[in-house]
Amino acid sequence: MEKGEGMAEKEFFHKALADFAFDVASGGAIRHLADRGYTAKQIAGELDFSVPFEKVRQAVWDHLVSRQIILLDEPGSGKTKEKAVFVEERGRFGKKSFRRAVCPNEDKGQIHWIQKYISVGSPEDLVRLLSGMCRKNGRETAYMACDFGAWEYGEKEQYMELLGVLDERQGEYIRGLPWGKGRVFHRLDQRMQEIAGRMGLMKRFEGMFYFGGIGEKIIVGCADGGDGFLNTL
């Protein structure tokens, strides 16, 4: 074995060991609090010992991806990977641990979307529209396209406008996730629905929403935004 290969293998082992130790010490608590709706900042404040914030936000992100709350590929593309879950176990002496298990892919294949363009008169109308769609479709297969990372890295003015229209808790949630530079898709839970409503206050707003249960993809512009649709397709 080459010396360089040996060093690389040793570094990989130490990283894997450090990741395992972190997961045993904090992973379960982070996942539990994320499931309860805590932001990464709140989670970091709840941990019994200091953990670098970047590590916390990455752990929250990985958990949301594993639960398919965040999709890295477009909904209905048939590319969704297997879903990882963490199963709680107890050893001989009652010590609690978490084991990572993989569930079968629940993606039922490619969806041929019925695409609709809708203009609403106000952010309140947008929230009512999304609420109605979620009642019709359910939230489990409802998603919102998110370009937050692309804005943060490439369109700073738009990103700062986004943070300016959100309330403190909403902004804390957005800042607490490492969105990357590409488009991702977040489940349209109650929090994201409220964030979408606030985004209707932006000067140029266009939202893209997917409702897998009924096969509809809607692109929504908000008249109160001022400049009409923002073309991000």
C-alpha atoms as a PDB file:
ATOM      1  CA  MET A   1       0.000   0.000   0.000  1.00  0.00           C
ATOM      2  CA  GLU A   2       1.259   3.439  -0.943  1.00  0.00           C
ATOM      3  CA  LYS A   3       2.051   5.767   1.940  1.00  0.00           C
ATOM      4  CA  GLY A   4      -0.476   8.308   0.646  1.00  0.00           C
ATOM      5  CA  GLU A   5      -3.170   5.655   0.484  1.00  0.00           C
ATOM      6  CA  GLY A   6      -2.424   4.612   4.056  1.00  0.00           C
ATOM      7  CA  MET A   7      -2.738   8.182   5.288  1.00  0.00           C
ATOM      8  CA  ALA A   8      -6.006   8.653   3.393  1.00  0.00           C
ATOM      9  CA  GLU A   9      -7.410   5.439   4.856  1.00  0.00           C
ATOM     10  CA  LYS A  10      -6.354   6.518   8.357  1.00  0.00           C
ATOM     11  CA  GLU A  11      -7.991   9.935   7.912  1.00  0.00           C
ATOM     12  CA  PHE A  12     -11.172   8.286   6.624  1.00  0.00           C
ATOM     13  CA  PHE A  13     -11.232   5.977   9.658  1.00  0.00           C
ATOM     14  CA  HIS A  14     -10.771   8.860  12.107  1.00  0.00           C
ATOM     15  CA  LYS A  15     -13.512  10.875  10.388  1.00  0.00           C
ATOM     16  CA  ALA A  16     -15.880   7.907  10.466  1.00  0.00           C
ATOM     17  CA  LEU A  17     -15.097   7.364  14.136  1.00  0.00           C
ATOM     18  CA  ALA A  18     -15.648  11.056  14.926  1.00  0.00           C
ATOM     19  CA  ASP A  19     -18.943  11.038  13.025  1.00  0.00           C
ATOM     20  CA  PHE A  20     -20.053   7.927  14.917  1.00  0.00           C
ATOM     21  CA  ALA A  21     -19.123   9.475  18.270  1.00  0.00           C
ATOM     22  CA  PHE A  22     -21.007  12.658  17.371  1.00  0.00           C
ATOM     23  CA  ASP A  23     -24.085  10.683  16.338  1.00  0.00           C
ATOM     24  CA  VAL A  24     -24.083   8.663  19.565  1.00  0.00           C
ATOM     25  CA  ALA A  25     -23.593  11.763  21.709  1.00  0.00           C
ATOM     26  CA  SER A  26     -25.870  14.245  19.944  1.00  0.00           C
ATOM     27  CA  GLY A  27     -27.464  12.746  16.833  1.00  0.00           C
ATOM     28  CA  GLY A  28     -30.551  11.358  18.536  1.00  0.00           C
ATOM     29  CA  ALA A  29     -31.260  14.604  20.372  1.00  0.00           C
ATOM     30  CA  ILE A  30     -30.794  16.677  17.210  1.00  0.00           C
ATOM     31  CA  ARG A  31     -33.158  14.466  15.194  1.00  0.00           C
ATOM     32  CA  HIS A  32     -35.746  14.463  17.977  1.00  0.00           C
ATOM     33  CA  LEU A  33     -35.732  18.254  18.291  1.00  0.00           C
ATOM     34  CA  ALA A  34     -35.775  18.720  14.512  1.00  0.00           C
ATOM     35  CA  ASP A  35     -38.879  16.517  14.343  1.00  0.00           C
ATOM     36  CA  ARG A  36     -40.488  18.787  16.938  1.00  0.00           C
ATOM     37  CA  GLY A  37     -39.914  21.787  14.685  1.00  0.00           C
ATOM     38  CA  TYR A  38     -36.908  23.350  16.442  1.00  0.00           C
ATOM     39  CA  THR A  39     -34.586  25.473  14.315  1.00  0.00           C
ATOM     40  CA  ALA A  40     -30.885  24.623  14.163  1.00  0.00           C
ATOM     41  CA  LYS A  41     -30.136  27.597  16.436  1.00  0.00           C
ATOM     42  CA  GLN A  42     -32.660  26.415  19.021  1.00  0.00           C
ATOM     43  CA  ILE A  43     -31.292  22.869  18.862  1.00  0.00           C
ATOM     44  CA  ALA A  44     -27.725  24.075  19.423  1.00  0.00           C
ATOM     45  CA  GLY A  45     -28.947  25.906  22.532  1.00  0.00           C
ATOM     46  CA  GLU A  46     -30.690  22.801  23.886  1.00  0.00           C
ATOM     47  CA  LEU A  47     -27.715  20.410  23.683  1.00  0.00           C
ATOM     48  CA  ASP A  48     -26.049  19.481  26.967  1.00  0.00           C
ATOM     49  CA  PHE A  49     -22.567  20.246  25.682  1.00  0.00           C
ATOM     50  CA  SER A  50     -21.119  22.541  23.067  1.00  0.00           C
ATOM     51  CA  VAL A  51     -21.314  21.378  19.442  1.00  0.00           C
ATOM     52  CA  PRO A  52     -20.108  23.557  16.534  1.00  0.00           C
ATOM     53  CA  PHE A  53     -23.121  25.184  14.904  1.00  0.00           C
ATOM     54  CA  GLU A  54     -22.064  24.045  11.429  1.00  0.00           C
ATOM     55  CA  LYS A  55     -22.175  20.445  12.656  1.00  0.00           C
ATOM     56  CA  VAL A  56     -25.659  20.941  14.093  1.00  0.00           C
ATOM     57  CA  ARG A  57     -27.082  22.540  10.939  1.00  0.00           C
ATOM     58  CA  GLN A  58     -25.575  19.791   8.756  1.00  0.00           C
ATOM     59  CA  ALA A  59     -27.055  17.114  11.029  1.00  0.00           C
ATOM     60  CA  VAL A  60     -30.478  18.777  10.820  1.00  0.00           C
ATOM     61  CA  TRP A  61     -30.188  19.003   7.029  1.00  0.00           C
ATOM     62  CA  ASP A  62     -29.172  15.341   6.691  1.00  0.00           C
ATOM     63  CA  HIS A  63     -32.118  14.319   8.865  1.00  0.00           C
ATOM     64  CA  LEU A  64     -34.606  16.347   6.811  1.00  0.00           C
ATOM     65  CA  VAL A  65     -33.219  14.829   3.607  1.00  0.00           C
ATOM     66  CA  SER A  66     -33.353  11.296   5.048  1.00  0.00           C
ATOM     67  CA  ARG A  67     -37.020  11.815   5.961  1.00  0.00           C
ATOM     68  CA  GLN A  68     -37.757  13.270   2.507  1.00  0.00           C
ATOM     69  CA  ILE A  69     -38.897  16.525   4.061  1.00  0.00           C
ATOM     70  CA  ILE A  70     -36.266  17.990   1.743  1.00  0.00           C
ATOM     71  CA  LEU A  71     -35.802  16.481  -1.723  1.00  0.00           C
ATOM     72  CA  LEU A  72     -32.641  17.103  -3.717  1.00  0.00           C
ATOM     73  CA  ASP A  73     -34.373  16.130  -6.972  1.00  0.00           C
ATOM     74  CA  GLU A  74     -37.662  17.396  -8.368  1.00  0.00           C
ATOM     75  CA  PRO A  75     -40.692  15.645  -6.865  1.00  0.00           C
ATOM     76  CA  GLY A  76     -42.072  12.939  -9.103  1.00  0.00           C
ATOM     77  CA  SER A  77     -38.817  12.610 -11.053  1.00  0.00           C
ATOM     78  CA  GLY A  78     -38.373   8.989  -9.955  1.00  0.00           C
ATOM     79  CA  LYS A  79     -34.905   9.833  -8.640  1.00  0.00           C
ATOM     80  CA  THR A  80     -35.682   9.884  -4.918  1.00  0.00           C
ATOM     81  CA  LYS A  81     -33.200   7.687  -3.077  1.00  0.00           C
ATOM     82  CA  GLU A  82     -33.935   5.198  -0.340  1.00  0.00           C
ATOM     83  CA  LYS A  83     -34.984   6.796   2.923  1.00  0.00           C
ATOM     84  CA  ALA A  84     -32.831   6.374   6.017  1.00  0.00           C
ATOM     85  CA  VAL A  85     -34.369   6.220   9.469  1.00  0.00           C
ATOM     86  CA  PHE A  86     -32.843   5.870  12.927  1.00  0.00           C
ATOM     87  CA  VAL A  87     -34.155   3.112  15.159  1.00  0.00           C
ATOM     88  CA  GLU A  88     -33.757   3.407  18.930  1.00  0.00           C
ATOM     89  CA  GLU A  89     -32.265   0.362  20.648  1.00  0.00           C
ATOM     90  CA  ARG A  90     -31.179  -0.494  24.195  1.00  0.00           C
ATOM     91  CA  GLY A  91     -28.227  -2.626  25.200  1.00  0.00           C
ATOM     92  CA  ARG A  92     -27.880  -5.186  27.999  1.00  0.00           C
ATOM     93  CA  PHE A  93     -27.579  -2.534  30.681  1.00  0.00           C
ATOM     94  CA  GLY A  94     -30.291  -0.262  29.338  1.00  0.00           C
ATOM     95  CA  LYS A  95     -27.943   2.059  27.463  1.00  0.00           C
ATOM     96  CA  LYS A  96     -29.814   3.748  24.635  1.00  0.00           C
ATOM     97  CA  SER A  97     -28.365   3.878  21.129  1.00  0.00           C
ATOM     98  CA  PHE A  98     -29.599   4.606  17.627  1.00  0.00           C
ATOM     99  CA  ARG A  99     -29.161   2.336  14.625  1.00  0.00           C
ATOM    100  CA  ARG A 100     -29.416   3.645  11.072  1.00  0.00           C
ATOM    101  CA  ALA A 101     -31.783   1.616   8.908  1.00  0.00           C
ATOM    102  CA  VAL A 102     -32.835   2.073   5.298  1.00  0.00           C
ATOM    103  CA  CYS A 103     -36.476   1.950   4.241  1.00  0.00           C
ATOM    104  CA  PRO A 104     -37.573   1.068   0.700  1.00  0.00           C
ATOM    105  CA  ASN A 105     -37.956   3.977  -1.688  1.00  0.00           C
ATOM    106  CA  GLU A 106     -41.535   5.253  -1.458  1.00  0.00           C
ATOM    107  CA  ASP A 107     -41.278   7.165  -4.740  1.00  0.00           C
ATOM    108  CA  LYS A 108     -43.852   5.599  -7.045  1.00  0.00           C
ATOM    109  CA  GLY A 109     -42.019   6.699 -10.173  1.00  0.00           C
ATOM    110  CA  GLN A 110     -42.202   9.635 -12.499  1.00  0.00           C
ATOM    111  CA  ILE A 111     -45.236  11.907 -12.330  1.00  0.00           C
ATOM    112  CA  HIS A 112     -46.469  13.600 -15.482  1.00  0.00           C
ATOM    113  CA  TRP A 113     -47.500  16.881 -13.937  1.00  0.00           C
ATOM    114  CA  ILE A 114     -50.575  18.885 -14.870  1.00  0.00           C
ATOM    115  CA  GLN A 115     -49.013  22.355 -14.861  1.00  0.00           C
ATOM    116  CA  LYS A 116     -51.038  25.440 -14.006  1.00  0.00           C
ATOM    117  CA  TYR A 117     -50.187  29.144 -13.750  1.00  0.00           C
ATOM    118  CA  ILE A 118     -52.120  31.093 -11.132  1.00  0.00           C
ATOM    119  CA  SER A 119     -51.979  34.764 -10.143  1.00  0.00           C
ATOM    120  CA  VAL A 120     -53.240  35.723  -6.696  1.00  0.00           C
ATOM    121  CA  GLY A 121     -54.116  39.187  -5.445  1.00  0.00           C
ATOM    122  CA  SER A 122     -52.273  39.163  -2.112  1.00  0.00           C
ATOM    123  CA  PRO A 123     -50.082  37.060   0.196  1.00  0.00           C
ATOM    124  CA  GLU A 124     -53.235  36.178   2.146  1.00  0.00           C
ATOM    125  CA  ASP A 125     -54.831  34.823  -1.038  1.00  0.00           C
ATOM    126  CA  LEU A 126     -51.684  32.770  -1.635  1.00  0.00           C
ATOM    127  CA  VAL A 127     -51.904  31.206   1.828  1.00  0.00           C
ATOM    128  CA  ARG A 128     -55.588  30.386   1.275  1.00  0.00           C
ATOM    129  CA  LEU A 129     -54.760  28.807  -2.079  1.00  0.00           C
ATOM    130  CA  LEU A 130     -52.000  26.625  -0.601  1.00  0.00           C
ATOM    131  CA  SER A 131     -54.170  25.649   2.376  1.00  0.00           C
ATOM    132  CA  GLY A 132     -56.915  24.523   0.014  1.00  0.00           C
ATOM    133  CA  MET A 133     -54.502  22.571  -2.170  1.00  0.00           C
ATOM    134  CA  CYS A 134     -53.029  20.836   0.887  1.00  0.00           C
ATOM    135  CA  ARG A 135     -56.496  19.873   2.118  1.00  0.00           C
ATOM    136  CA  LYS A 136     -57.182  18.384  -1.297  1.00  0.00           C
ATOM    137  CA  ASN A 137     -53.802  16.689  -1.703  1.00  0.00           C
ATOM    138  CA  GLY A 138     -52.433  16.187   1.828  1.00  0.00           C
ATOM    139  CA  ARG A 139     -49.096  17.574   2.993  1.00  0.00           C
ATOM    140  CA  GLU A 140     -47.050  14.375   2.718  1.00  0.00           C
ATOM    141  CA  THR A 141     -46.641  14.747  -1.064  1.00  0.00           C
ATOM    142  CA  ALA A 142     -46.852  18.554  -1.255  1.00  0.00           C
ATOM    143  CA  TYR A 143     -43.569  20.380  -1.911  1.00  0.00           C
ATOM    144  CA  MET A 144     -42.291  23.879  -2.560  1.00  0.00           C
ATOM    145  CA  ALA A 145     -39.317  24.660  -4.809  1.00  0.00           C
ATOM    146  CA  CYS A 146     -36.625  26.535  -2.858  1.00  0.00           C
ATOM    147  CA  ASP A 147     -33.848  28.626  -4.412  1.00  0.00           C
ATOM    148  CA  PHE A 148     -32.647  30.060  -1.096  1.00  0.00           C
ATOM    149  CA  GLY A 149     -29.104  28.757  -1.515  1.00  0.00           C
ATOM    150  CA  ALA A 150     -28.826  29.998  -5.087  1.00  0.00           C
ATOM    151  CA  TRP A 151     -29.951  33.426  -3.901  1.00  0.00           C
ATOM    152  CA  GLU A 152     -27.545  33.428  -0.945  1.00  0.00           C
ATOM    153  CA  TYR A 153     -24.559  32.566  -3.124  1.00  0.00           C
ATOM    154  CA  GLY A 154     -25.488  34.360  -6.344  1.00  0.00           C
ATOM    155  CA  GLU A 155     -28.302  36.876  -5.838  1.00  0.00           C
ATOM    156  CA  LYS A 156     -27.522  38.543  -2.516  1.00  0.00           C
ATOM    157  CA  GLU A 157     -30.030  41.328  -2.978  1.00  0.00           C
ATOM    158  CA  GLN A 158     -32.856  38.846  -3.447  1.00  0.00           C
ATOM    159  CA  TYR A 159     -31.673  36.789  -0.480  1.00  0.00           C
ATOM    160  CA  MET A 160     -31.599  39.835   1.783  1.00  0.00           C
ATOM    161  CA  GLU A 161     -35.075  40.825   0.565  1.00  0.00           C
ATOM    162  CA  LEU A 162     -36.264  37.318   1.456  1.00  0.00           C
ATOM    163  CA  LEU A 163     -34.915  37.605   4.996  1.00  0.00           C
ATOM    164  CA  GLY A 164     -36.429  41.076   5.250  1.00  0.00           C
ATOM    165  CA  VAL A 165     -40.001  39.846   4.677  1.00  0.00           C
ATOM    166  CA  LEU A 166     -39.758  36.857   7.029  1.00  0.00           C
ATOM    167  CA  ASP A 167     -40.387  37.077  10.759  1.00  0.00           C
ATOM    168  CA  GLU A 168     -37.580  36.257  13.187  1.00  0.00           C
ATOM    169  CA  ARG A 169     -38.386  32.545  13.595  1.00  0.00           C
ATOM    170  CA  GLN A 170     -38.867  31.983   9.858  1.00  0.00           C
ATOM    171  CA  GLY A 171     -35.594  33.711   9.047  1.00  0.00           C
ATOM    172  CA  GLU A 172     -33.848  31.667  11.721  1.00  0.00           C
ATOM    173  CA  TYR A 173     -35.085  28.473  10.078  1.00  0.00           C
ATOM    174  CA  ILE A 174     -33.889  29.515   6.608  1.00  0.00           C
ATOM    175  CA  ARG A 175     -30.462  30.690   7.849  1.00  0.00           C
ATOM    176  CA  GLY A 176     -30.056  27.511   9.888  1.00  0.00           C
ATOM    177  CA  LEU A 177     -29.945  25.135   6.909  1.00  0.00           C
ATOM    178  CA  PRO A 178     -27.093  24.657   4.397  1.00  0.00           C
ATOM    179  CA  TRP A 179     -29.215  24.941   1.239  1.00  0.00           C
ATOM    180  CA  GLY A 180     -26.318  24.633  -1.191  1.00  0.00           C
ATOM    181  CA  LYS A 181     -26.215  26.458  -4.516  1.00  0.00           C
ATOM    182  CA  GLY A 182     -28.936  24.599  -6.385  1.00  0.00           C
ATOM    183  CA  ARG A 183     -32.701  24.285  -6.235  1.00  0.00           C
ATOM    184  CA  VAL A 184     -34.127  21.893  -3.655  1.00  0.00           C
ATOM    185  CA  PHE A 185     -37.681  21.051  -2.652  1.00  0.00           C
ATOM    186  CA  HIS A 186     -39.102  21.362   0.858  1.00  0.00           C
ATOM    187  CA  ARG A 187     -42.277  19.648   2.006  1.00  0.00           C
ATOM    188  CA  LEU A 188     -45.083  22.185   2.206  1.00  0.00           C
ATOM    189  CA  ASP A 189     -45.651  21.843   5.943  1.00  0.00           C
ATOM    190  CA  GLN A 190     -47.329  24.598   7.942  1.00  0.00           C
ATOM    191  CA  ARG A 191     -44.085  26.513   8.449  1.00  0.00           C
ATOM    192  CA  MET A 192     -43.148  26.492   4.766  1.00  0.00           C
ATOM    193  CA  GLN A 193     -46.678  27.514   3.832  1.00  0.00           C
ATOM    194  CA  GLU A 194     -46.343  30.536   6.123  1.00  0.00           C
ATOM    195  CA  ILE A 195     -42.908  31.320   4.664  1.00  0.00           C
ATOM    196  CA  ALA A 196     -44.386  31.146   1.153  1.00  0.00           C
ATOM    197  CA  GLY A 197     -47.085  33.579   2.233  1.00  0.00           C
ATOM    198  CA  ARG A 198     -44.495  36.061   3.519  1.00  0.00           C
ATOM    199  CA  MET A 199     -42.533  35.686   0.264  1.00  0.00           C
ATOM    200  CA  GLY A 200     -45.597  37.058  -1.510  1.00  0.00           C
ATOM    201  CA  LEU A 201     -44.484  40.444  -0.137  1.00  0.00           C
ATOM    202  CA  MET A 202     -41.296  40.374  -2.223  1.00  0.00           C
ATOM    203  CA  LYS A 203     -41.051  42.765  -5.175  1.00  0.00           C
ATOM    204  CA  ARG A 204     -40.945  39.951  -7.705  1.00  0.00           C
ATOM    205  CA  PHE A 205     -42.475  36.728  -6.511  1.00  0.00           C
ATOM    206  CA  GLU A 206     -43.029  33.412  -8.194  1.00  0.00           C
ATOM    207  CA  GLY A 207     -43.621  30.230  -6.247  1.00  0.00           C
ATOM    208  CA  MET A 208     -43.536  26.710  -7.613  1.00  0.00           C
ATOM    209  CA  PHE A 209     -45.546  24.081  -5.755  1.00  0.00           C
ATOM    210  CA  TYR A 210     -45.996  20.352  -6.334  1.00  0.00           C
ATOM    211  CA  PHE A 211     -48.971  18.272  -5.198  1.00  0.00           C
ATOM    212  CA  GLY A 212     -48.055  14.661  -5.909  1.00  0.00           C
ATOM    213  CA  GLY A 213     -51.295  13.112  -4.709  1.00  0.00           C
ATOM    214  CA  ILE A 214     -53.317  14.843  -7.426  1.00  0.00           C
ATOM    215  CA  GLY A 215     -50.454  15.268  -9.920  1.00  0.00           C
ATOM    216  CA  GLU A 216     -50.636  19.067 -10.104  1.00  0.00           C
ATOM    217  CA  LYS A 217     -47.725  21.493 -10.325  1.00  0.00           C
ATOM    218  CA  ILE A 218     -48.737  25.113  -9.888  1.00  0.00           C
ATOM    219  CA  ILE A 219     -46.694  28.248 -10.507  1.00  0.00           C
ATOM    220  CA  VAL A 220     -48.055  31.177  -8.541  1.00  0.00           C
ATOM    221  CA  GLY A 221     -47.428  34.896  -8.896  1.00  0.00           C
ATOM    222  CA  CYS A 222     -48.609  37.450  -6.357  1.00  0.00           C
ATOM    223  CA  ALA A 223     -49.925  40.799  -7.644  1.00  0.00           C
ATOM    224  CA  ASP A 224     -48.935  42.569  -4.419  1.00  0.00           C
ATOM    225  CA  GLY A 225     -45.323  41.734  -5.238  1.00  0.00           C
ATOM    226  CA  GLY A 226     -45.219  44.686  -7.615  1.00  0.00           C
ATOM    227  CA  ASP A 227     -43.305  43.461 -10.664  1.00  0.00           C
ATOM    228  CA  GLY A 228     -45.314  40.305 -11.453  1.00  0.00           C
ATOM    229  CA  PHE A 229     -43.773  36.918 -12.087  1.00  0.00           C
ATOM    230  CA  LEU A 230     -40.099  36.253 -11.500  1.00  0.00           C
ATOM    231  CA  ASN A 231     -39.010  33.733 -14.097  1.00  0.00           C
ATOM    232  CA  THR A 232     -36.894  31.083 -12.361  1.00  0.00           C
ATOM    233  CA  LEU A 233     -37.819  28.146 -14.594  1.00  0.00           C
END
